[in-house]
PDB file of all heavy atoms in Angstrom:
ATOM      1  N   THR A   1      37.171  40.208  -0.018  1.00  0.00           N
ATOM      2  CA  THR A   1      37.651  39.233   0.963  1.00  0.00           C
ATOM      3  C   THR A   1      38.216  38.007   0.244  1.00  0.00           C
ATOM      4  O   THR A   1      37.563  37.418  -0.606  1.00  0.00           O
ATOM      5  CB  THR A   1      36.516  38.800   1.897  1.00  0.00           C
ATOM      6  OG1 THR A   1      36.054  39.920   2.606  1.00  0.00           O
ATOM      7  CG2 THR A   1      37.021  37.746   2.883  1.00  0.00           C
ATOM      8  N   LEU A   2      39.443  37.624   0.651  1.00  0.00           N
ATOM      9  CA  LEU A   2      40.053  36.413   0.122  1.00  0.00           C
ATOM     10  C   LEU A   2      39.450  35.200   0.802  1.00  0.00           C
ATOM     11  O   LEU A   2      39.178  35.213   2.002  1.00  0.00           O
ATOM     12  CB  LEU A   2      41.558  36.448   0.362  1.00  0.00           C
ATOM     13  CG  LEU A   2      42.372  37.465  -0.439  1.00  0.00           C
ATOM     14  CD1 LEU A   2      43.797  37.550   0.121  1.00  0.00           C
ATOM     15  CD2 LEU A   2      42.424  37.076  -1.898  1.00  0.00           C
ATOM     16  N   SER A   3      39.259  34.136   0.053  1.00  0.00           N
ATOM     17  CA  SER A   3      38.754  32.899   0.629  1.00  0.00           C
ATOM     18  C   SER A   3      39.861  32.183   1.389  1.00  0.00           C
ATOM     19  O   SER A   3      41.054  32.505   1.254  1.00  0.00           O
ATOM     20  CB  SER A   3      38.215  31.990  -0.476  1.00  0.00           C
ATOM     21  OG  SER A   3      39.286  31.564  -1.318  1.00  0.00           O
ATOM     22  N   VAL A   4      39.488  31.189   2.170  1.00  0.00           N
ATOM     23  CA  VAL A   4      40.468  30.396   2.914  1.00  0.00           C
ATOM     24  C   VAL A   4      41.459  29.716   1.973  1.00  0.00           C
ATOM     25  O   VAL A   4      42.674  29.752   2.225  1.00  0.00           O
ATOM     26  CB  VAL A   4      39.765  29.375   3.829  1.00  0.00           C
ATOM     27  CG1 VAL A   4      40.778  28.420   4.451  1.00  0.00           C
ATOM     28  CG2 VAL A   4      39.002  30.092   4.924  1.00  0.00           C
ATOM     29  N   PRO A   5      40.999  29.066   0.888  1.00  0.00           N
ATOM     30  CA  PRO A   5      41.986  28.460  -0.037  1.00  0.00           C
ATOM     31  C   PRO A   5      42.936  29.487  -0.657  1.00  0.00           C
ATOM     32  O   PRO A   5      44.127  29.194  -0.818  1.00  0.00           O
ATOM     33  CB  PRO A   5      41.104  27.805  -1.110  1.00  0.00           C
ATOM     34  CG  PRO A   5      39.807  27.553  -0.424  1.00  0.00           C
ATOM     35  CD  PRO A   5      39.618  28.710   0.501  1.00  0.00           C
ATOM     36  N   SER A   6      42.438  30.670  -0.992  1.00  0.00           N
ATOM     37  CA  SER A   6      43.304  31.708  -1.555  1.00  0.00           C
ATOM     38  C   SER A   6      44.329  32.171  -0.532  1.00  0.00           C
ATOM     39  O   SER A   6      45.507  32.357  -0.855  1.00  0.00           O
ATOM     40  CB  SER A   6      42.470  32.912  -2.020  1.00  0.00           C
ATOM     41  OG  SER A   6      41.594  32.553  -3.059  1.00  0.00           O
ATOM     42  N   LEU A   7      43.905  32.342   0.705  1.00  0.00           N
ATOM     43  CA  LEU A   7      44.826  32.726   1.763  1.00  0.00           C
ATOM     44  C   LEU A   7      45.864  31.638   2.002  1.00  0.00           C
ATOM     45  O   LEU A   7      47.043  31.941   2.255  1.00  0.00           O
ATOM     46  CB  LEU A   7      44.059  33.015   3.060  1.00  0.00           C
ATOM     47  CG  LEU A   7      43.381  34.378   3.149  1.00  0.00           C
ATOM     48  CD1 LEU A   7      42.407  34.415   4.334  1.00  0.00           C
ATOM     49  CD2 LEU A   7      44.406  35.494   3.287  1.00  0.00           C
ATOM     50  N   TYR A   8      45.432  30.390   1.931  1.00  0.00           N
ATOM     51  CA  TYR A   8      46.354  29.274   2.114  1.00  0.00           C
ATOM     52  C   TYR A   8      47.478  29.334   1.089  1.00  0.00           C
ATOM     53  O   TYR A   8      48.663  29.170   1.421  1.00  0.00           O
ATOM     54  CB  TYR A   8      45.611  27.947   2.020  1.00  0.00           C
ATOM     55  CG  TYR A   8      46.487  26.727   2.232  1.00  0.00           C
ATOM     56  CD1 TYR A   8      46.601  26.146   3.484  1.00  0.00           C
ATOM     57  CD2 TYR A   8      47.216  26.172   1.179  1.00  0.00           C
ATOM     58  CE1 TYR A   8      47.401  25.030   3.698  1.00  0.00           C
ATOM     59  CE2 TYR A   8      48.014  25.056   1.377  1.00  0.00           C
ATOM     60  CZ  TYR A   8      48.110  24.489   2.636  1.00  0.00           C
ATOM     61  OH  TYR A   8      48.916  23.399   2.837  1.00  0.00           O
ATOM     62  N   ARG A   9      47.120  29.561  -0.180  1.00  0.00           N
ATOM     63  CA  ARG A   9      48.117  29.621  -1.246  1.00  0.00           C
ATOM     64  C   ARG A   9      49.081  30.799  -1.035  1.00  0.00           C
ATOM     65  O   ARG A   9      50.304  30.657  -1.214  1.00  0.00           O
ATOM     66  CB  ARG A   9      47.443  29.722  -2.609  1.00  0.00           C
ATOM     67  CG  ARG A   9      46.765  28.434  -3.066  1.00  0.00           C
ATOM     68  CD  ARG A   9      46.335  28.507  -4.514  1.00  0.00           C
ATOM     69  NE  ARG A   9      45.217  29.413  -4.697  1.00  0.00           N
ATOM     70  CZ  ARG A   9      43.929  29.052  -4.625  1.00  0.00           C
ATOM     71  NH1 ARG A   9      43.605  27.810  -4.359  1.00  0.00           N
ATOM     72  NH2 ARG A   9      42.976  29.948  -4.826  1.00  0.00           N
ATOM     73  N   LEU A  10      48.557  31.947  -0.632  1.00  0.00           N
ATOM     74  CA  LEU A  10      49.402  33.114  -0.391  1.00  0.00           C
ATOM     75  C   LEU A  10      50.312  32.892   0.821  1.00  0.00           C
ATOM     76  O   LEU A  10      51.463  33.300   0.816  1.00  0.00           O
ATOM     77  CB  LEU A  10      48.530  34.343  -0.177  1.00  0.00           C
ATOM     78  CG  LEU A  10      47.772  34.878  -1.402  1.00  0.00           C
ATOM     79  CD1 LEU A  10      46.821  36.008  -0.999  1.00  0.00           C
ATOM     80  CD2 LEU A  10      48.739  35.358  -2.477  1.00  0.00           C
ATOM     81  N   LEU A  11      49.775  32.260   1.854  1.00  0.00           N
ATOM     82  CA  LEU A  11      50.571  31.986   3.042  1.00  0.00           C
ATOM     83  C   LEU A  11      51.678  30.984   2.766  1.00  0.00           C
ATOM     84  O   LEU A  11      52.756  31.071   3.362  1.00  0.00           O
ATOM     85  CB  LEU A  11      49.667  31.455   4.174  1.00  0.00           C
ATOM     86  CG  LEU A  11      48.796  32.510   4.850  1.00  0.00           C
ATOM     87  CD1 LEU A  11      47.762  31.846   5.754  1.00  0.00           C
ATOM     88  CD2 LEU A  11      49.623  33.503   5.652  1.00  0.00           C
ATOM     89  N   TYR A  12      51.440  30.030   1.875  1.00  0.00           N
ATOM     90  CA  TYR A  12      52.504  29.082   1.526  1.00  0.00           C
ATOM     91  C   TYR A  12      53.664  29.826   0.843  1.00  0.00           C
ATOM     92  O   TYR A  12      54.830  29.559   1.140  1.00  0.00           O
ATOM     93  CB  TYR A  12      51.967  27.993   0.611  1.00  0.00           C
ATOM     94  CG  TYR A  12      53.048  26.976   0.236  1.00  0.00           C
ATOM     95  CD1 TYR A  12      53.486  26.024   1.150  1.00  0.00           C
ATOM     96  CD2 TYR A  12      53.674  27.011  -1.010  1.00  0.00           C
ATOM     97  CE1 TYR A  12      54.486  25.127   0.831  1.00  0.00           C
ATOM     98  CE2 TYR A  12      54.668  26.122  -1.332  1.00  0.00           C
ATOM     99  CZ  TYR A  12      55.080  25.167  -0.411  1.00  0.00           C
ATOM    100  OH  TYR A  12      56.081  24.292  -0.731  1.00  0.00           O
ATOM    101  N   LYS A  13      53.366  30.740  -0.048  1.00  0.00           N
ATOM    102  CA  LYS A  13      54.429  31.559  -0.673  1.00  0.00           C
ATOM    103  C   LYS A  13      55.169  32.368   0.385  1.00  0.00           C
ATOM    104  O   LYS A  13      56.402  32.479   0.344  1.00  0.00           O
ATOM    105  CB  LYS A  13      53.822  32.482  -1.720  1.00  0.00           C
ATOM    106  CG  LYS A  13      53.233  31.774  -2.936  1.00  0.00           C
ATOM    107  CD  LYS A  13      52.645  32.772  -3.913  1.00  0.00           C
ATOM    108  CE  LYS A  13      52.052  32.067  -5.133  1.00  0.00           C
ATOM    109  NZ  LYS A  13      51.419  33.052  -6.079  1.00  0.00           N
ATOM    110  N   SER A  14      54.431  32.923   1.332  1.00  0.00           N
ATOM    111  CA  SER A  14      55.046  33.719   2.403  1.00  0.00           C
ATOM    112  C   SER A  14      55.916  32.845   3.304  1.00  0.00           C
ATOM    113  O   SER A  14      56.975  33.258   3.767  1.00  0.00           O
ATOM    114  CB  SER A  14      53.965  34.418   3.229  1.00  0.00           C
ATOM    115  OG  SER A  14      53.200  35.296   2.434  1.00  0.00           O
ATOM    116  N   TYR A  15      55.458  31.624   3.555  1.00  0.00           N
ATOM    117  CA  TYR A  15      56.235  30.668   4.345  1.00  0.00           C
ATOM    118  C   TYR A  15      57.572  30.388   3.680  1.00  0.00           C
ATOM    119  O   TYR A  15      58.617  30.330   4.340  1.00  0.00           O
ATOM    120  CB  TYR A  15      55.433  29.378   4.539  1.00  0.00           C
ATOM    121  CG  TYR A  15      56.289  28.140   4.661  1.00  0.00           C
ATOM    122  CD1 TYR A  15      57.008  27.869   5.810  1.00  0.00           C
ATOM    123  CD2 TYR A  15      56.383  27.241   3.586  1.00  0.00           C
ATOM    124  CE1 TYR A  15      57.801  26.736   5.899  1.00  0.00           C
ATOM    125  CE2 TYR A  15      57.171  26.116   3.668  1.00  0.00           C
ATOM    126  CZ  TYR A  15      57.884  25.868   4.831  1.00  0.00           C
ATOM    127  OH  TYR A  15      58.682  24.748   4.906  1.00  0.00           O
ATOM    128  N   ARG A  16      57.579  30.212   2.361  1.00  0.00           N
ATOM    129  CA  ARG A  16      58.819  29.932   1.638  1.00  0.00           C
ATOM    130  C   ARG A  16      59.807  31.089   1.774  1.00  0.00           C
ATOM    131  O   ARG A  16      61.003  30.892   1.878  1.00  0.00           O
ATOM    132  CB  ARG A  16      58.511  29.695   0.165  1.00  0.00           C
ATOM    133  CG  ARG A  16      57.616  28.503  -0.124  1.00  0.00           C
ATOM    134  CD  ARG A  16      58.344  27.209  -0.187  1.00  0.00           C
ATOM    135  NE  ARG A  16      59.310  27.165  -1.281  1.00  0.00           N
ATOM    136  CZ  ARG A  16      60.017  26.094  -1.577  1.00  0.00           C
ATOM    137  NH1 ARG A  16      59.859  24.979  -0.891  1.00  0.00           N
ATOM    138  NH2 ARG A  16      60.882  26.119  -2.559  1.00  0.00           N
ATOM    139  N   LEU A  17      59.300  32.307   1.800  1.00  0.00           N
ATOM    140  CA  LEU A  17      60.168  33.471   1.965  1.00  0.00           C
ATOM    141  C   LEU A  17      60.641  33.594   3.411  1.00  0.00           C
ATOM    142  O   LEU A  17      61.793  33.928   3.672  1.00  0.00           O
ATOM    143  CB  LEU A  17      59.398  34.744   1.573  1.00  0.00           C
ATOM    144  CG  LEU A  17      59.056  34.900   0.084  1.00  0.00           C
ATOM    145  CD1 LEU A  17      58.108  36.075  -0.119  1.00  0.00           C
ATOM    146  CD2 LEU A  17      60.306  35.086  -0.758  1.00  0.00           C
ATOM    147  N   ALA A  18      59.750  33.308   4.351  1.00  0.00           N
ATOM    148  CA  ALA A  18      60.073  33.464   5.773  1.00  0.00           C
ATOM    149  C   ALA A  18      61.155  32.494   6.227  1.00  0.00           C
ATOM    150  O   ALA A  18      61.927  32.812   7.130  1.00  0.00           O
ATOM    151  CB  ALA A  18      58.810  33.282   6.608  1.00  0.00           C
ATOM    152  N   ARG A  19      61.213  31.327   5.625  1.00  0.00           N
ATOM    153  CA  ARG A  19      62.172  30.321   6.087  1.00  0.00           C
ATOM    154  C   ARG A  19      63.579  30.548   5.547  1.00  0.00           C
ATOM    155  O   ARG A  19      64.520  29.893   6.005  1.00  0.00           O
ATOM    156  CB  ARG A  19      61.696  28.929   5.743  1.00  0.00           C
ATOM    157  CG  ARG A  19      61.809  28.545   4.270  1.00  0.00           C
ATOM    158  CD  ARG A  19      61.425  27.101   4.045  1.00  0.00           C
ATOM    159  NE  ARG A  19      61.672  26.652   2.684  1.00  0.00           N
ATOM    160  CZ  ARG A  19      61.557  25.412   2.264  1.00  0.00           C
ATOM    161  NH1 ARG A  19      61.166  24.474   3.105  1.00  0.00           N
ATOM    162  NH2 ARG A  19      61.819  25.093   1.012  1.00  0.00           N
ATOM    163  N   LYS A  20      63.759  31.436   4.558  1.00  0.00           N
ATOM    164  CA  LYS A  20      65.089  31.759   4.053  1.00  0.00           C
ATOM    165  C   LYS A  20      65.933  32.331   5.179  1.00  0.00           C
ATOM    166  O   LYS A  20      65.537  33.290   5.870  1.00  0.00           O
ATOM    167  CB  LYS A  20      65.016  32.750   2.887  1.00  0.00           C
ATOM    168  CG  LYS A  20      64.479  32.167   1.604  1.00  0.00           C
ATOM    169  CD  LYS A  20      64.520  33.194   0.471  1.00  0.00           C
ATOM    170  CE  LYS A  20      64.042  32.585  -0.842  1.00  0.00           C
ATOM    171  NZ  LYS A  20      64.070  33.592  -1.953  1.00  0.00           N
ATOM    172  N   ASN A  21      67.104  31.785   5.373  1.00  0.00           N
ATOM    173  CA  ASN A  21      68.045  32.212   6.404  1.00  0.00           C
ATOM    174  C   ASN A  21      67.479  32.036   7.822  1.00  0.00           C
ATOM    175  O   ASN A  21      68.032  32.559   8.782  1.00  0.00           O
ATOM    176  CB  ASN A  21      68.459  33.665   6.204  1.00  0.00           C
ATOM    177  CG  ASN A  21      69.105  33.913   4.866  1.00  0.00           C
ATOM    178  OD1 ASN A  21      69.887  33.090   4.380  1.00  0.00           O
ATOM    179  ND2 ASN A  21      68.767  35.038   4.239  1.00  0.00           N
ATOM    180  N   LYS A  22      66.402  31.293   7.946  1.00  0.00           N
ATOM    181  CA  LYS A  22      65.812  31.024   9.268  1.00  0.00           C
ATOM    182  C   LYS A  22      65.619  29.516   9.473  1.00  0.00           C
ATOM    183  O   LYS A  22      64.796  29.114  10.292  1.00  0.00           O
ATOM    184  CB  LYS A  22      64.466  31.738   9.399  1.00  0.00           C
ATOM    185  CG  LYS A  22      64.557  33.248   9.356  1.00  0.00           C
ATOM    186  CD  LYS A  22      65.306  33.823  10.542  1.00  0.00           C
ATOM    187  CE  LYS A  22      65.391  35.353  10.435  1.00  0.00           C
ATOM    188  NZ  LYS A  22      66.208  35.915  11.554  1.00  0.00           N
ATOM    189  N   ARG A  23      66.354  28.712   8.710  1.00  0.00           N
ATOM    190  CA  ARG A  23      66.206  27.276   8.832  1.00  0.00           C
ATOM    191  C   ARG A  23      66.751  26.787  10.167  1.00  0.00           C
ATOM    192  O   ARG A  23      67.710  27.339  10.726  1.00  0.00           O
ATOM    193  CB  ARG A  23      66.930  26.560   7.685  1.00  0.00           C
ATOM    194  CG  ARG A  23      66.497  26.978   6.280  1.00  0.00           C
ATOM    195  CD  ARG A  23      64.982  26.868   6.054  1.00  0.00           C
ATOM    196  NE  ARG A  23      64.441  25.552   6.292  1.00  0.00           N
ATOM    197  CZ  ARG A  23      64.316  24.610   5.358  1.00  0.00           C
ATOM    198  NH1 ARG A  23      64.719  24.857   4.112  1.00  0.00           N
ATOM    199  NH2 ARG A  23      63.792  23.432   5.634  1.00  0.00           N
ATOM    200  N   ASN A  24      66.101  25.776  10.673  1.00  0.00           N
ATOM    201  CA  ASN A  24      66.521  25.082  11.898  1.00  0.00           C
ATOM    202  C   ASN A  24      66.368  25.913  13.164  1.00  0.00           C
ATOM    203  O   ASN A  24      66.953  25.559  14.194  1.00  0.00           O
ATOM    204  CB  ASN A  24      67.961  24.597  11.771  1.00  0.00           C
ATOM    205  CG  ASN A  24      68.161  23.644  10.609  1.00  0.00           C
ATOM    206  OD1 ASN A  24      67.276  22.850  10.296  1.00  0.00           O
ATOM    207  ND2 ASN A  24      69.312  23.724   9.948  1.00  0.00           N
ATOM    208  N   THR A  25      65.602  27.005  13.118  1.00  0.00           N
ATOM    209  CA  THR A  25      65.259  27.665  14.349  1.00  0.00           C
ATOM    210  C   THR A  25      64.147  26.895  15.025  1.00  0.00           C
ATOM    211  O   THR A  25      63.403  26.145  14.387  1.00  0.00           O
ATOM    212  CB  THR A  25      64.803  29.124  14.114  1.00  0.00           C
ATOM    213  OG1 THR A  25      63.631  29.119  13.288  1.00  0.00           O
ATOM    214  CG2 THR A  25      65.901  29.928  13.429  1.00  0.00           C
ATOM    215  N   ARG A  26      64.030  27.055  16.335  1.00  0.00           N
ATOM    216  CA  ARG A  26      63.073  26.259  17.108  1.00  0.00           C
ATOM    217  C   ARG A  26      61.633  26.469  16.612  1.00  0.00           C
ATOM    218  O   ARG A  26      60.904  25.503  16.375  1.00  0.00           O
ATOM    219  CB  ARG A  26      63.178  26.629  18.575  1.00  0.00           C
ATOM    220  CG  ARG A  26      62.369  25.740  19.510  1.00  0.00           C
ATOM    221  CD  ARG A  26      62.557  26.159  20.960  1.00  0.00           C
ATOM    222  NE  ARG A  26      63.963  26.148  21.346  1.00  0.00           N
ATOM    223  CZ  ARG A  26      64.420  26.544  22.516  1.00  0.00           C
ATOM    224  NH1 ARG A  26      63.576  27.000  23.425  1.00  0.00           N
ATOM    225  NH2 ARG A  26      65.723  26.521  22.775  1.00  0.00           N
ATOM    226  N   SER A  27      61.209  27.721  16.442  1.00  0.00           N
ATOM    227  CA  SER A  27      59.837  27.990  16.040  1.00  0.00           C
ATOM    228  C   SER A  27      59.587  27.579  14.585  1.00  0.00           C
ATOM    229  O   SER A  27      58.488  27.147  14.236  1.00  0.00           O
ATOM    230  CB  SER A  27      59.496  29.469  16.227  1.00  0.00           C
ATOM    231  OG  SER A  27      60.307  30.311  15.428  1.00  0.00           O
ATOM    232  N   GLN A  28      60.622  27.685  13.743  1.00  0.00           N
ATOM    233  CA  GLN A  28      60.460  27.277  12.336  1.00  0.00           C
ATOM    234  C   GLN A  28      60.286  25.766  12.213  1.00  0.00           C
ATOM    235  O   GLN A  28      59.418  25.290  11.482  1.00  0.00           O
ATOM    236  CB  GLN A  28      61.676  27.745  11.530  1.00  0.00           C
ATOM    237  CG  GLN A  28      61.634  27.382  10.055  1.00  0.00           C
ATOM    238  CD  GLN A  28      62.507  26.202   9.711  1.00  0.00           C
ATOM    239  OE1 GLN A  28      63.562  25.985  10.338  1.00  0.00           O
ATOM    240  NE2 GLN A  28      62.115  25.396   8.750  1.00  0.00           N
ATOM    241  N   LEU A  29      61.094  25.003  12.965  1.00  0.00           N
ATOM    242  CA  LEU A  29      60.968  23.543  12.927  1.00  0.00           C
ATOM    243  C   LEU A  29      59.622  23.087  13.498  1.00  0.00           C
ATOM    244  O   LEU A  29      59.006  22.158  12.965  1.00  0.00           O
ATOM    245  CB  LEU A  29      62.119  22.909  13.719  1.00  0.00           C
ATOM    246  CG  LEU A  29      63.513  23.037  13.097  1.00  0.00           C
ATOM    247  CD1 LEU A  29      64.574  22.556  14.067  1.00  0.00           C
ATOM    248  CD2 LEU A  29      63.599  22.275  11.782  1.00  0.00           C
ATOM    249  N   LYS A  30      59.170  23.722  14.570  1.00  0.00           N
ATOM    250  CA  LYS A  30      57.881  23.383  15.153  1.00  0.00           C
ATOM    251  C   LYS A  30      56.753  23.630  14.162  1.00  0.00           C
ATOM    252  O   LYS A  30      55.820  22.840  14.050  1.00  0.00           O
ATOM    253  CB  LYS A  30      57.664  24.212  16.423  1.00  0.00           C
ATOM    254  CG  LYS A  30      56.366  23.913  17.150  1.00  0.00           C
ATOM    255  CD  LYS A  30      56.236  24.773  18.395  1.00  0.00           C
ATOM    256  CE  LYS A  30      54.895  24.517  19.091  1.00  0.00           C
ATOM    257  NZ  LYS A  30      54.730  25.391  20.291  1.00  0.00           N
ATOM    258  N   PHE A  31      56.837  24.738  13.440  1.00  0.00           N
ATOM    259  CA  PHE A  31      55.812  25.075  12.458  1.00  0.00           C
ATOM    260  C   PHE A  31      55.795  24.066  11.305  1.00  0.00           C
ATOM    261  O   PHE A  31      54.728  23.684  10.823  1.00  0.00           O
ATOM    262  CB  PHE A  31      56.058  26.484  11.911  1.00  0.00           C
ATOM    263  CG  PHE A  31      54.933  27.049  11.099  1.00  0.00           C
ATOM    264  CD1 PHE A  31      53.861  27.693  11.698  1.00  0.00           C
ATOM    265  CD2 PHE A  31      54.931  26.949   9.718  1.00  0.00           C
ATOM    266  CE1 PHE A  31      52.820  28.216  10.942  1.00  0.00           C
ATOM    267  CE2 PHE A  31      53.915  27.479   8.955  1.00  0.00           C
ATOM    268  CZ  PHE A  31      52.855  28.121   9.572  1.00  0.00           C
ATOM    269  N   GLU A  32      56.975  23.611  10.891  1.00  0.00           N
ATOM    270  CA  GLU A  32      57.078  22.694   9.755  1.00  0.00           C
ATOM    271  C   GLU A  32      56.715  21.257  10.090  1.00  0.00           C
ATOM    272  O   GLU A  32      56.474  20.456   9.181  1.00  0.00           O
ATOM    273  CB  GLU A  32      58.483  22.735   9.174  1.00  0.00           C
ATOM    274  CG  GLU A  32      58.778  23.977   8.361  1.00  0.00           C
ATOM    275  CD  GLU A  32      60.067  23.880   7.581  1.00  0.00           C
ATOM    276  OE1 GLU A  32      60.883  22.993   7.918  1.00  0.00           O
ATOM    277  OE2 GLU A  32      60.279  24.681   6.658  1.00  0.00           O
TER     278      GLU A  32
END
């Protein structure tokens, strides 16, 4: 089981990938 801090770090990397070519969408801006 990954800890919360470990998941946070992995999710941040995933967030950086998810926002590529998805900038300025409504849900992306709300999340940021």
